[in-house]
Amino acid sequence: MSPTVAQVLAAKPDAGRTVHTIGRDGTVLDALRLLADRGIGALVVMADERIVGIVTERDYARKVELRGRSAATTLVEEIMTAKVRYVEPTQTAAECMALMTEHRMRHLPVLDEAGRLTGLVSIGDLLKQQIADQQFTIDQLEHYIQGAPSPAYPS
């Protein structure tokens, strides 16, 4: 069975609690600095404690650089994706991957039952989880074949 989004977040370095955000009135240059400093590919755009968009490196490349605009004077709200798809902690990694594939995106904000931003999953997070799950299955099969006790599932 596919792990839940909550399980994927729990496997991240800080259990997925840190979500980097920016205001829509920030400049694209501010966003780029934050992306580079944190080594991440997306920022959730917030206004009045609610999600109003998401901005990615891809947005910069396609909507600023290729159009000859200035990152120093272009606002985040001018290039962000305003229609943000999100997931809940109870959804599965498989559901996230299907959504990402269908809509050609790499990042999904995670909202709790009250609609609050609680995390962000990337395609990399999901692939890392899938690889770990496959390795666990391989280890179990090897132990079965050898007649050894099965390893405990990693938490």
Protein backbone atom coordinates (compact mmCIF):
# COMPACT_ATOMS: atom_id res chain seq x y z
CA MET A 1 0.00 0.00 0.00
CA SER A 2 1.19 3.51 -0.78
CA PRO A 3 2.33 5.58 2.20
CA THR A 4 0.35 8.64 3.20
CA VAL A 5 1.45 12.23 2.73
CA ALA A 6 1.87 12.43 6.52
CA GLN A 7 4.36 9.53 6.34
CA VAL A 8 6.25 11.16 3.46
CA LEU A 9 6.49 14.42 5.42
CA ALA A 10 7.65 12.57 8.54
CA ALA A 11 10.58 11.17 6.54
CA LYS A 12 11.83 14.65 5.62
CA PRO A 13 14.72 16.14 7.64
CA ASP A 14 12.55 18.27 9.93
CA ALA A 15 9.50 16.04 9.54
CA GLY A 16 8.29 18.38 6.80
CA ARG A 17 7.40 21.18 9.22
CA THR A 18 9.36 23.90 7.42
CA VAL A 19 7.56 25.35 4.44
CA HIS A 20 9.20 28.34 2.82
CA THR A 21 6.83 31.09 1.79
CA ILE A 22 6.88 34.54 0.25
CA GLY A 23 4.36 37.35 -0.06
CA ARG A 24 2.87 38.13 -3.44
CA ASP A 25 4.34 41.65 -3.29
CA GLY A 26 7.90 40.33 -3.02
CA THR A 27 10.12 40.62 -6.04
CA VAL A 28 11.12 37.68 -8.15
CA LEU A 29 14.71 38.44 -7.16
CA ASP A 30 13.72 38.00 -3.48
CA ALA A 31 12.12 34.68 -4.39
CA LEU A 32 15.20 33.53 -6.32
CA ARG A 33 17.47 34.38 -3.41
CA LEU A 34 15.27 32.39 -1.02
CA LEU A 35 15.12 29.43 -3.41
CA ALA A 36 18.92 29.46 -3.80
CA ASP A 37 19.66 29.98 -0.09
CA ARG A 38 17.38 27.11 0.94
CA GLY A 39 18.24 24.82 -1.98
CA ILE A 40 14.59 24.39 -2.92
CA GLY A 41 12.55 24.65 -6.11
CA ALA A 42 9.29 26.27 -5.01
CA LEU A 43 7.81 28.81 -2.60
CA VAL A 44 4.23 28.97 -1.45
CA VAL A 45 2.85 32.47 -1.92
CA MET A 46 0.86 33.68 1.09
CA ALA A 47 -1.43 36.64 1.84
CA ASP A 48 -3.38 37.06 5.08
CA GLU A 49 -2.32 33.57 6.23
CA ARG A 50 -3.81 31.85 3.20
CA ILE A 51 -2.30 30.39 0.06
CA VAL A 52 -2.71 32.63 -2.97
CA GLY A 53 -0.20 30.95 -5.28
CA ILE A 54 3.00 29.03 -5.77
CA VAL A 55 6.14 30.22 -7.52
CA THR A 56 8.84 27.94 -8.89
CA GLU A 57 12.15 28.09 -10.69
CA ARG A 58 10.22 27.08 -13.80
CA ASP A 59 8.01 30.19 -13.45
CA TYR A 60 11.13 32.35 -13.36
CA ALA A 61 12.68 30.68 -16.40
CA ARG A 62 9.53 30.89 -18.50
CA LYS A 63 7.87 34.09 -17.34
CA VAL A 64 10.81 36.36 -16.54
CA GLU A 65 14.05 35.28 -18.15
CA LEU A 66 12.63 34.16 -21.50
CA ARG A 67 10.50 37.31 -21.74
CA GLY A 68 13.37 39.68 -21.01
CA ARG A 69 11.85 40.94 -17.76
CA SER A 70 13.83 42.02 -14.71
CA ALA A 71 13.74 39.80 -11.62
CA ALA A 72 14.49 42.90 -9.53
CA THR A 73 11.34 44.72 -10.62
CA THR A 74 8.91 41.92 -11.42
CA LEU A 75 6.60 40.98 -8.53
CA VAL A 76 5.96 37.40 -7.49
CA GLU A 77 2.22 37.82 -8.09
CA GLU A 78 2.95 38.58 -11.75
CA ILE A 79 4.48 35.15 -12.39
CA MET A 80 3.04 32.85 -9.71
CA THR A 81 0.58 30.09 -10.43
CA ALA A 82 -2.60 31.29 -8.74
CA LYS A 83 -4.58 28.07 -9.04
CA VAL A 84 -2.83 25.93 -6.47
CA ARG A 85 -3.58 22.24 -6.21
CA TYR A 86 -2.98 20.76 -2.78
CA VAL A 87 -3.23 17.51 -0.86
CA GLU A 88 -4.18 16.48 2.66
CA PRO A 89 -2.02 14.44 5.06
CA THR A 90 -4.28 11.39 4.70
CA GLN A 91 -3.90 11.14 0.93
CA THR A 92 -1.45 8.63 -0.49
CA ALA A 93 1.86 9.16 -2.22
CA ALA A 94 0.37 7.38 -5.24
CA GLU A 95 -2.45 9.95 -5.39
CA CYS A 96 0.12 12.75 -5.24
CA MET A 97 2.16 11.24 -8.05
CA ALA A 98 -0.93 10.83 -10.20
CA LEU A 99 -1.92 14.46 -9.59
CA MET A 100 1.59 15.70 -10.33
CA THR A 101 1.81 13.65 -13.51
CA GLU A 102 -1.62 14.71 -14.77
CA HIS A 103 -1.00 18.41 -14.18
CA ARG A 104 2.75 18.44 -14.91
CA MET A 105 3.82 19.88 -11.58
CA ARG A 106 6.56 19.09 -9.10
CA HIS A 107 5.32 20.50 -5.77
CA LEU A 108 2.13 20.11 -3.74
CA PRO A 109 1.27 22.09 -0.62
CA VAL A 110 -0.21 20.02 2.21
CA LEU A 111 -3.22 21.49 4.03
CA ASP A 112 -4.72 20.17 7.25
CA GLU A 113 -8.45 19.73 7.91
CA ALA A 114 -8.74 23.42 8.82
CA GLY A 115 -7.12 24.50 5.55
CA ARG A 116 -3.82 25.53 7.16
CA LEU A 117 -0.53 24.98 5.34
CA THR A 118 1.33 22.19 7.14
CA GLY A 119 3.88 20.98 4.60
CA LEU A 120 5.03 20.75 1.02
CA VAL A 121 5.81 17.55 -0.88
CA SER A 122 7.94 17.45 -3.98
CA ILE A 123 8.26 14.82 -6.65
CA GLY A 124 11.70 14.13 -5.18
CA ASP A 125 10.18 13.41 -1.76
CA LEU A 126 7.73 10.96 -3.33
CA LEU A 127 10.39 9.20 -5.40
CA LYS A 128 12.64 8.88 -2.35
CA GLN A 129 9.77 7.24 -0.46
CA GLN A 130 9.01 4.92 -3.36
CA ILE A 131 12.66 3.83 -3.58
CA ALA A 132 12.74 3.17 0.17
CA ASP A 133 9.55 1.10 -0.06
CA GLN A 134 10.96 -0.93 -2.96
CA GLN A 135 14.23 -1.52 -1.11
CA PHE A 136 12.28 -2.73 1.93
CA THR A 137 10.36 -5.19 -0.26
CA ILE A 138 13.61 -6.45 -1.80
CA ASP A 139 15.13 -6.90 1.67
CA GLN A 140 12.08 -8.85 2.84
CA LEU A 141 12.19 -11.13 -0.19
CA GLU A 142 15.91 -11.75 0.26
CA HIS A 143 15.38 -12.64 3.92
CA TYR A 144 12.49 -14.93 2.97
CA ILE A 145 14.60 -16.73 0.38
CA GLN A 146 17.48 -17.10 2.86
CA GLY A 147 15.17 -18.22 5.65
CA ALA A 148 16.23 -15.31 7.87
CA PRO A 149 13.86 -13.15 9.94
CA SER A 150 12.34 -10.25 7.99
CA PRO A 151 13.67 -6.76 8.75
CA ALA A 152 11.41 -4.28 10.52
CA TYR A 153 9.72 -1.71 8.34
CA PRO A 154 11.51 1.65 8.60
CA SER A 155 9.48 4.37 10.25
